[in-house]
PDB file of N, CA and C in Angstrom:
ATOM      1  N   MET A   1     228.041 -93.714   6.276  1.00  0.00           N
ATOM      2  CA  MET A   1     227.525 -92.240   5.400  1.00  0.00           C
ATOM      3  C   MET A   1     226.372 -92.600   5.147  1.00  0.00           C
ATOM      4  N   ALA A   2     225.377 -91.563   4.624  1.00  0.00           N
ATOM      5  CA  ALA A   2     223.832 -91.832   4.254  1.00  0.00           C
ATOM      6  C   ALA A   2     223.957 -91.653   2.667  1.00  0.00           C
ATOM      7  N   ARG A   3     223.811 -92.391   2.119  1.00  0.00           N
ATOM      8  CA  ARG A   3     223.723 -92.287   1.321  1.00  0.00           C
ATOM      9  C   ARG A   3     221.870 -91.990   0.491  1.00  0.00           C
ATOM     10  N   LEU A   4     221.830 -91.230  -0.192  1.00  0.00           N
ATOM     11  CA  LEU A   4     220.614 -90.688  -1.176  1.00  0.00           C
ATOM     12  C   LEU A   4     219.878 -91.836  -2.065  1.00  0.00           C
ATOM     13  N   ASN A   5     218.374 -91.869  -1.678  1.00  0.00           N
ATOM     14  CA  ASN A   5     218.274 -93.177  -2.567  1.00  0.00           C
ATOM     15  C   ASN A   5     217.004 -92.881  -2.945  1.00  0.00           C
ATOM     16  N   THR A   6     217.287 -91.863  -3.621  1.00  0.00           N
ATOM     17  CA  THR A   6     215.913 -91.473  -4.746  1.00  0.00           C
ATOM     18  C   THR A   6     216.714 -91.373  -6.236  1.00  0.00           C
ATOM     19  N   GLY A   7     216.733 -92.279  -6.871  1.00  0.00           N
ATOM     20  CA  GLY A   7     216.755 -92.688  -8.092  1.00  0.00           C
ATOM     21  C   GLY A   7     218.243 -91.679  -8.781  1.00  0.00           C
ATOM     22  N   SER A   8     218.079 -91.046  -9.917  1.00  0.00           N
ATOM     23  CA  SER A   8     219.361 -90.013  -9.614  1.00  0.00           C
ATOM     24  C   SER A   8     220.270 -89.602  -9.074  1.00  0.00           C
ATOM     25  N   LEU A   9     219.742 -89.839  -7.799  1.00  0.00           N
ATOM     26  CA  LEU A   9     220.691 -89.016  -6.732  1.00  0.00           C
ATOM     27  C   LEU A   9     221.695 -90.260  -5.752  1.00  0.00           C
ATOM     28  N   SER A  10     221.068 -91.368  -6.079  1.00  0.00           N
ATOM     29  CA  SER A  10     221.599 -92.190  -5.808  1.00  0.00           C
ATOM     30  C   SER A  10     223.142 -92.466  -5.387  1.00  0.00           C
ATOM     31  N   ASN A  11     224.173 -92.271  -6.762  1.00  0.00           N
ATOM     32  CA  ASN A  11     225.233 -92.650  -6.494  1.00  0.00           C
ATOM     33  C   ASN A  11     226.020 -91.066  -5.940  1.00  0.00           C
ATOM     34  N   TYR A  12     225.576 -90.751  -5.324  1.00  0.00           N
ATOM     35  CA  TYR A  12     225.788 -89.610  -4.069  1.00  0.00           C
ATOM     36  C   TYR A  12     225.800 -89.969  -2.622  1.00  0.00           C
ATOM     37  N   SER A  13     226.941 -89.460  -2.127  1.00  0.00           N
ATOM     38  CA  SER A  13     226.894 -90.071  -0.583  1.00  0.00           C
ATOM     39  C   SER A  13     226.701 -89.074   0.322  1.00  0.00           C
ATOM     40  N   VAL A  14     225.820 -89.061   0.965  1.00  0.00           N
ATOM     41  CA  VAL A  14     225.707 -87.700   2.106  1.00  0.00           C
ATOM     42  C   VAL A  14     226.963 -87.762   3.536  1.00  0.00           C
ATOM     43  N   THR A  15     227.556 -86.561   3.268  1.00  0.00           N
ATOM     44  CA  THR A  15     228.654 -86.598   4.120  1.00  0.00           C
ATOM     45  C   THR A  15     228.325 -86.188   5.448  1.00  0.00           C
ATOM     46  N   GLN A  16     227.505 -84.343   5.352  1.00  0.00           N
ATOM     47  CA  GLN A  16     226.923 -83.912   6.232  1.00  0.00           C
ATOM     48  C   GLN A  16     225.736 -83.151   5.953  1.00  0.00           C
ATOM     49  N   THR A  17     224.671 -82.965   6.897  1.00  0.00           N
ATOM     50  CA  THR A  17     223.700 -82.178   6.900  1.00  0.00           C
ATOM     51  C   THR A  17     224.133 -80.652   7.018  1.00  0.00           C
ATOM     52  N   LEU A  18     224.267 -79.757   5.769  1.00  0.00           N
ATOM     53  CA  LEU A  18     223.954 -77.926   6.125  1.00  0.00           C
ATOM     54  C   LEU A  18     223.529 -77.895   6.984  1.00  0.00           C
ATOM     55  N   TYR A  19     222.077 -77.687   6.627  1.00  0.00           N
ATOM     56  CA  TYR A  19     220.795 -76.562   7.049  1.00  0.00           C
ATOM     57  C   TYR A  19     219.647 -77.550   6.923  1.00  0.00           C
ATOM     58  N   GLU A  20     219.187 -77.623   8.045  1.00  0.00           N
ATOM     59  CA  GLU A  20     217.502 -78.198   8.217  1.00  0.00           C
ATOM     60  C   GLU A  20     216.610 -77.142   8.680  1.00  0.00           C
ATOM     61  N   GLY A  21     215.503 -76.677   6.764  1.00  0.00           N
ATOM     62  CA  GLY A  21     214.747 -76.021   7.330  1.00  0.00           C
ATOM     63  C   GLY A  21     213.147 -76.172   7.345  1.00  0.00           C
ATOM     64  N   SER A  22     212.527 -75.416   7.669  1.00  0.00           N
ATOM     65  CA  SER A  22     210.741 -75.996   7.516  1.00  0.00           C
ATOM     66  C   SER A  22     210.456 -76.510   6.484  1.00  0.00           C
ATOM     67  N   ARG A  23     211.503 -75.593   5.041  1.00  0.00           N
ATOM     68  CA  ARG A  23     210.854 -76.314   3.780  1.00  0.00           C
ATOM     69  C   ARG A  23     211.690 -76.923   2.747  1.00  0.00           C
ATOM     70  N   THR A  24     213.300 -76.702   3.231  1.00  0.00           N
ATOM     71  CA  THR A  24     214.326 -77.131   3.003  1.00  0.00           C
ATOM     72  C   THR A  24     215.655 -78.000   3.708  1.00  0.00           C
ATOM     73  N   LEU A  25     215.958 -78.900   2.750  1.00  0.00           N
ATOM     74  CA  LEU A  25     217.227 -79.572   3.427  1.00  0.00           C
ATOM     75  C   LEU A  25     218.521 -78.916   2.717  1.00  0.00           C
ATOM     76  N   VAL A  26     218.777 -78.746   3.383  1.00  0.00           N
ATOM     77  CA  VAL A  26     220.694 -79.206   2.570  1.00  0.00           C
ATOM     78  C   VAL A  26     221.794 -79.841   2.862  1.00  0.00           C
ATOM     79  N   TYR A  27     222.468 -80.667   1.859  1.00  0.00           N
ATOM     80  CA  TYR A  27     223.438 -81.635   2.428  1.00  0.00           C
ATOM     81  C   TYR A  27     224.910 -81.389   1.719  1.00  0.00           C
ATOM     82  N   ARG A  28     225.641 -81.580   2.257  1.00  0.00           N
ATOM     83  CA  ARG A  28     226.900 -82.204   1.533  1.00  0.00           C
ATOM     84  C   ARG A  28     226.887 -83.726   1.418  1.00  0.00           C
ATOM     85  N   ALA A  29     227.188 -83.278  -0.360  1.00  0.00           N
ATOM     86  CA  ALA A  29     227.587 -85.138  -0.524  1.00  0.00           C
ATOM     87  C   ALA A  29     228.785 -85.328  -1.554  1.00  0.00           C
ATOM     88  N   ILE A  30     228.948 -86.403  -1.520  1.00  0.00           N
ATOM     89  CA  ILE A  30     230.259 -86.526  -2.214  1.00  0.00           C
ATOM     90  C   ILE A  30     229.919 -87.740  -3.561  1.00  0.00           C
ATOM     91  N   ARG A  31     230.290 -87.829  -4.640  1.00  0.00           N
ATOM     92  CA  ARG A  31     230.077 -88.723  -5.568  1.00  0.00           C
ATOM     93  C   ARG A  31     231.589 -89.575  -5.351  1.00  0.00           C
ATOM     94  N   PRO A  32     231.185 -90.681  -5.237  1.00  0.00           N
ATOM     95  CA  PRO A  32     232.288 -91.792  -5.195  1.00  0.00           C
ATOM     96  C   PRO A  32     233.346 -91.700  -6.128  1.00  0.00           C
ATOM     97  N   SER A  33     233.077 -92.112  -7.339  1.00  0.00           N
ATOM     98  CA  SER A  33     233.223 -92.225  -8.525  1.00  0.00           C
ATOM     99  C   SER A  33     234.267 -91.779  -9.063  1.00  0.00           C
ATOM    100  N   ASP A  34     234.265 -90.349  -8.228  1.00  0.00           N
ATOM    101  CA  ASP A  34     235.292 -89.059  -8.818  1.00  0.00           C
ATOM    102  C   ASP A  34     235.799 -88.075  -7.727  1.00  0.00           C
ATOM    103  N   GLU A  35     235.428 -88.819  -6.697  1.00  0.00           N
ATOM    104  CA  GLU A  35     235.475 -88.159  -5.712  1.00  0.00           C
ATOM    105  C   GLU A  35     234.972 -86.071  -5.429  1.00  0.00           C
ATOM    106  N   ARG A  36     234.171 -85.779  -6.193  1.00  0.00           N
ATOM    107  CA  ARG A  36     233.169 -84.463  -6.631  1.00  0.00           C
ATOM    108  C   ARG A  36     232.735 -84.423  -5.448  1.00  0.00           C
ATOM    109  N   THR A  37     232.631 -83.834  -4.402  1.00  0.00           N
ATOM    110  CA  THR A  37     231.871 -82.686  -3.464  1.00  0.00           C
ATOM    111  C   THR A  37     230.842 -81.565  -3.944  1.00  0.00           C
ATOM    112  N   VAL A  38     229.833 -81.651  -3.673  1.00  0.00           N
ATOM    113  CA  VAL A  38     228.940 -80.736  -4.160  1.00  0.00           C
ATOM    114  C   VAL A  38     227.695 -80.789  -2.872  1.00  0.00           C
ATOM    115  N   ALA A  39     226.338 -79.554  -2.927  1.00  0.00           N
ATOM    116  CA  ALA A  39     225.773 -79.246  -1.800  1.00  0.00           C
ATOM    117  C   ALA A  39     225.020 -79.522  -2.534  1.00  0.00           C
ATOM    118  N   ILE A  40     223.465 -80.513  -2.309  1.00  0.00           N
ATOM    119  CA  ILE A  40     222.109 -80.544  -2.513  1.00  0.00           C
ATOM    120  C   ILE A  40     221.382 -79.999  -2.153  1.00  0.00           C
ATOM    121  N   LYS A  41     220.636 -79.165  -2.691  1.00  0.00           N
ATOM    122  CA  LYS A  41     219.277 -78.703  -1.672  1.00  0.00           C
ATOM    123  C   LYS A  41     217.832 -79.338  -2.039  1.00  0.00           C
ATOM    124  N   SER A  42     217.265 -79.808  -1.594  1.00  0.00           N
ATOM    125  CA  SER A  42     216.068 -80.550  -1.613  1.00  0.00           C
ATOM    126  C   SER A  42     214.560 -79.782  -0.754  1.00  0.00           C
ATOM    127  N   LEU A  43     213.759 -80.088  -1.283  1.00  0.00           N
ATOM    128  CA  LEU A  43     212.408 -79.502  -0.568  1.00  0.00           C
ATOM    129  C   LEU A  43     212.498 -80.592   0.750  1.00  0.00           C
ATOM    130  N   ARG A  44     211.666 -80.438   1.573  1.00  0.00           N
ATOM    131  CA  ARG A  44     211.644 -81.186   2.855  1.00  0.00           C
ATOM    132  C   ARG A  44     210.295 -82.190   2.620  1.00  0.00           C
ATOM    133  N   SER A  45     209.514 -81.505   2.021  1.00  0.00           N
ATOM    134  CA  SER A  45     208.075 -82.262   1.967  1.00  0.00           C
ATOM    135  C   SER A  45     208.324 -83.198   1.149  1.00  0.00           C
ATOM    136  N   LYS A  46     207.575 -84.793   1.293  1.00  0.00           N
ATOM    137  CA  LYS A  46     207.927 -85.507   0.677  1.00  0.00           C
ATOM    138  C   LYS A  46     206.888 -85.568  -0.652  1.00  0.00           C
ATOM    139  N   TYR A  47     205.813 -84.613   0.085  1.00  0.00           N
ATOM    140  CA  TYR A  47     205.155 -84.225  -1.513  1.00  0.00           C
ATOM    141  C   TYR A  47     204.420 -83.232  -1.670  1.00  0.00           C
ATOM    142  N   PRO A  48     205.697 -82.341  -1.942  1.00  0.00           N
ATOM    143  CA  PRO A  48     205.191 -80.836  -2.150  1.00  0.00           C
ATOM    144  C   PRO A  48     204.518 -80.285  -2.564  1.00  0.00           C
ATOM    145  N   SER A  49     203.533 -79.306  -2.640  1.00  0.00           N
ATOM    146  CA  SER A  49     203.044 -78.694  -3.640  1.00  0.00           C
ATOM    147  C   SER A  49     203.283 -78.131  -4.990  1.00  0.00           C
ATOM    148  N   PHE A  50     202.673 -77.387  -6.002  1.00  0.00           N
ATOM    149  CA  PHE A  50     203.001 -77.116  -7.329  1.00  0.00           C
ATOM    150  C   PHE A  50     203.422 -75.932  -6.799  1.00  0.00           C
ATOM    151  N   GLU A  51     202.646 -74.797  -6.337  1.00  0.00           N
ATOM    152  CA  GLU A  51     203.741 -73.550  -6.129  1.00  0.00           C
ATOM    153  C   GLU A  51     204.779 -74.023  -5.223  1.00  0.00           C
ATOM    154  N   ALA A  52     205.205 -74.824  -4.151  1.00  0.00           N
ATOM    155  CA  ALA A  52     206.556 -75.096  -3.604  1.00  0.00           C
ATOM    156  C   ALA A  52     207.769 -75.402  -4.956  1.00  0.00           C
ATOM    157  N   HIS A  53     207.063 -76.336  -5.904  1.00  0.00           N
ATOM    158  CA  HIS A  53     208.102 -76.920  -6.907  1.00  0.00           C
ATOM    159  C   HIS A  53     208.295 -75.482  -7.715  1.00  0.00           C
ATOM    160  N   HIS A  54     207.263 -74.477  -7.714  1.00  0.00           N
ATOM    161  CA  HIS A  54     207.675 -73.345  -8.997  1.00  0.00           C
ATOM    162  C   HIS A  54     208.315 -72.412  -7.991  1.00  0.00           C
ATOM    163  N   GLN A  55     208.315 -72.235  -6.791  1.00  0.00           N
ATOM    164  CA  GLN A  55     209.852 -71.320  -5.890  1.00  0.00           C
ATOM    165  C   GLN A  55     211.099 -72.204  -5.872  1.00  0.00           C
ATOM    166  N   PHE A  56     210.892 -73.479  -5.928  1.00  0.00           N
ATOM    167  CA  PHE A  56     212.378 -73.686  -6.029  1.00  0.00           C
ATOM    168  C   PHE A  56     212.873 -74.328  -7.476  1.00  0.00           C
ATOM    169  N   ARG A  57     212.099 -73.899  -8.606  1.00  0.00           N
ATOM    170  CA  ARG A  57     212.592 -73.904  -9.571  1.00  0.00           C
ATOM    171  C   ARG A  57     213.338 -72.311  -9.909  1.00  0.00           C
ATOM    172  N   ASN A  58     212.567 -71.355  -9.696  1.00  0.00           N
ATOM    173  CA  ASN A  58     212.955 -70.019  -9.811  1.00  0.00           C
ATOM    174  C   ASN A  58     213.876 -69.455  -8.921  1.00  0.00           C
ATOM    175  N   GLN A  59     213.998 -70.372  -7.945  1.00  0.00           N
ATOM    176  CA  GLN A  59     215.414 -69.749  -7.089  1.00  0.00           C
ATOM    177  C   GLN A  59     216.703 -70.433  -7.810  1.00  0.00           C
ATOM    178  N   ASN A  60     216.088 -71.337  -8.274  1.00  0.00           N
ATOM    179  CA  ASN A  60     217.577 -72.293  -9.915  1.00  0.00           C
ATOM    180  C   ASN A  60     217.808 -71.745 -10.024  1.00  0.00           C
ATOM    181  N   THR A  61     216.692 -70.727 -11.278  1.00  0.00           N
ATOM    182  CA  THR A  61     216.741 -70.067 -12.663  1.00  0.00           C
ATOM    183  C   THR A  61     217.455 -69.017 -11.893  1.00  0.00           C
ATOM    184  N   ILE A  62     217.086 -68.147 -10.796  1.00  0.00           N
ATOM    185  CA  ILE A  62     217.583 -66.785 -10.346  1.00  0.00           C
ATOM    186  C   ILE A  62     219.253 -67.448  -9.723  1.00  0.00           C
ATOM    187  N   GLY A  63     219.384 -68.343  -9.551  1.00  0.00           N
ATOM    188  CA  GLY A  63     220.943 -68.911  -9.007  1.00  0.00           C
ATOM    189  C   GLY A  63     221.566 -69.072 -10.067  1.00  0.00           C
ATOM    190  N   HIS A  64     221.168 -69.251 -11.260  1.00  0.00           N
ATOM    191  CA  HIS A  64     222.435 -69.201 -12.783  1.00  0.00           C
ATOM    192  C   HIS A  64     222.540 -67.947 -13.164  1.00  0.00           C
ATOM    193  N   THR A  65     221.521 -67.323 -13.411  1.00  0.00           N
ATOM    194  CA  THR A  65     221.819 -65.747 -13.824  1.00  0.00           C
ATOM    195  C   THR A  65     222.784 -65.120 -12.855  1.00  0.00           C
ATOM    196  N   LEU A  66     222.960 -65.472 -11.916  1.00  0.00           N
ATOM    197  CA  LEU A  66     223.940 -64.287 -10.408  1.00  0.00           C
ATOM    198  C   LEU A  66     225.085 -65.078 -10.903  1.00  0.00           C
ATOM    199  N   ASP A  67     226.204 -63.978 -11.176  1.00  0.00           N
ATOM    200  CA  ASP A  67     227.533 -64.479 -11.236  1.00  0.00           C
ATOM    201  C   ASP A  67     228.698 -63.602 -10.420  1.00  0.00           C
ATOM    202  N   HIS A  68     229.058 -64.412  -9.093  1.00  0.00           N
ATOM    203  CA  HIS A  68     229.796 -63.128  -8.089  1.00  0.00           C
ATOM    204  C   HIS A  68     230.691 -64.412  -7.350  1.00  0.00           C
ATOM    205  N   PRO A  69     231.704 -64.175  -7.574  1.00  0.00           N
ATOM    206  CA  PRO A  69     232.924 -65.092  -6.660  1.00  0.00           C
ATOM    207  C   PRO A  69     232.432 -65.563  -5.576  1.00  0.00           C
ATOM    208  N   GLY A  70     231.545 -64.799  -4.297  1.00  0.00           N
ATOM    209  CA  GLY A  70     231.522 -65.113  -3.128  1.00  0.00           C
ATOM    210  C   GLY A  70     230.055 -65.897  -3.129  1.00  0.00           C
ATOM    211  N   LEU A  71     229.158 -66.314  -4.219  1.00  0.00           N
ATOM    212  CA  LEU A  71     228.165 -66.646  -4.452  1.00  0.00           C
ATOM    213  C   LEU A  71     228.203 -67.771  -4.774  1.00  0.00           C
ATOM    214  N   VAL A  72     227.728 -69.307  -4.327  1.00  0.00           N
ATOM    215  CA  VAL A  72     227.713 -70.375  -4.182  1.00  0.00           C
ATOM    216  C   VAL A  72     226.968 -70.585  -6.235  1.00  0.00           C
ATOM    217  N   ARG A  73     227.733 -71.465  -6.878  1.00  0.00           N
ATOM    218  CA  ARG A  73     227.102 -71.494  -8.166  1.00  0.00           C
ATOM    219  C   ARG A  73     226.008 -72.753  -8.178  1.00  0.00           C
ATOM    220  N   MET A  74     225.208 -72.332  -9.254  1.00  0.00           N
ATOM    221  CA  MET A  74     224.104 -73.595  -9.383  1.00  0.00           C
ATOM    222  C   MET A  74     224.380 -74.004 -10.236  1.00  0.00           C
ATOM    223  N   GLU A  75     224.542 -75.746 -10.300  1.00  0.00           N
ATOM    224  CA  GLU A  75     224.934 -76.250 -11.113  1.00  0.00           C
ATOM    225  C   GLU A  75     223.804 -76.885 -12.443  1.00  0.00           C
ATOM    226  N   SER A  76     222.677 -77.690 -11.536  1.00  0.00           N
ATOM    227  CA  SER A  76     221.627 -78.152 -12.155  1.00  0.00           C
ATOM    228  C   SER A  76     220.225 -78.284 -11.046  1.00  0.00           C
ATOM    229  N   LEU A  77     219.276 -78.363 -11.445  1.00  0.00           N
ATOM    230  CA  LEU A  77     217.719 -79.002 -11.095  1.00  0.00           C
ATOM    231  C   LEU A  77     217.829 -80.491 -11.867  1.00  0.00           C
ATOM    232  N   VAL A  78     217.696 -81.238 -10.573  1.00  0.00           N
ATOM    233  CA  VAL A  78     217.074 -82.667 -10.801  1.00  0.00           C
ATOM    234  C   VAL A  78     215.697 -82.760 -10.305  1.00  0.00           C
ATOM    235  N   THR A  79     215.050 -83.527 -11.177  1.00  0.00           N
ATOM    236  CA  THR A  79     213.709 -83.985 -10.629  1.00  0.00           C
ATOM    237  C   THR A  79     214.020 -85.787 -10.017  1.00  0.00           C
ATOM    238  N   TYR A  80     213.222 -86.054  -9.370  1.00  0.00           N
ATOM    239  CA  TYR A  80     213.300 -87.141  -8.628  1.00  0.00           C
ATOM    240  C   TYR A  80     212.375 -87.436  -8.162  1.00  0.00           C
ATOM    241  N   VAL A  81     211.605 -88.841  -7.922  1.00  0.00           N
ATOM    242  CA  VAL A  81     210.563 -89.647  -7.628  1.00  0.00           C
ATOM    243  C   VAL A  81     209.224 -88.254  -7.127  1.00  0.00           C
ATOM    244  N   ASN A  82     209.218 -87.674  -6.344  1.00  0.00           N
ATOM    245  CA  ASN A  82     208.095 -86.580  -5.881  1.00  0.00           C
ATOM    246  C   ASN A  82     208.442 -85.574  -5.774  1.00  0.00           C
ATOM    247  N   GLY A  83     209.644 -84.670  -5.710  1.00  0.00           N
ATOM    248  CA  GLY A  83     210.669 -84.058  -5.299  1.00  0.00           C
ATOM    249  C   GLY A  83     211.672 -83.085  -6.704  1.00  0.00           C
ATOM    250  N   GLN A  84     212.460 -82.450  -6.288  1.00  0.00           N
ATOM    251  CA  GLN A  84     213.517 -81.526  -6.611  1.00  0.00           C
ATOM    252  C   GLN A  84     214.756 -81.725  -6.078  1.00  0.00           C
ATOM    253  N   ALA A  85     215.584 -81.643  -6.704  1.00  0.00           N
ATOM    254  CA  ALA A  85     217.348 -80.940  -5.644  1.00  0.00           C
ATOM    255  C   ALA A  85     217.634 -80.099  -7.079  1.00  0.00           C
ATOM    256  N   ILE A  86     218.101 -79.118  -6.126  1.00  0.00           N
ATOM    257  CA  ILE A  86     219.710 -78.117  -6.884  1.00  0.00           C
ATOM    258  C   ILE A  86     220.829 -78.845  -6.685  1.00  0.00           C
ATOM    259  N   PHE A  87     221.617 -79.213  -7.507  1.00  0.00           N
ATOM    260  CA  PHE A  87     222.901 -79.203  -7.313  1.00  0.00           C
ATOM    261  C   PHE A  87     223.896 -78.056  -7.322  1.00  0.00           C
ATOM    262  N   MET A  88     224.617 -77.895  -6.129  1.00  0.00           N
ATOM    263  CA  MET A  88     225.948 -76.865  -6.297  1.00  0.00           C
ATOM    264  C   MET A  88     226.907 -76.511  -5.868  1.00  0.00           C
TER     265      MET A  88
END
């Protein structure tokens, strides 16, 4: 099992890569302390541009406003090292 070693994300263990795109990565992860499973979406670039950060924040904002049983719920946006991650 891989472990995210990026500050506040380090307490999650990656169990599966769900998606690898040209700009983003999505992982299934578990927090061992309480066995909580989450999806974590992060920017692929080690040093993303301002525009990439802005677009990523907007995705999170829009995700928070949508409320439908068929959609994955956006829980939080976490800033770490040089990037950001959306917890779903």
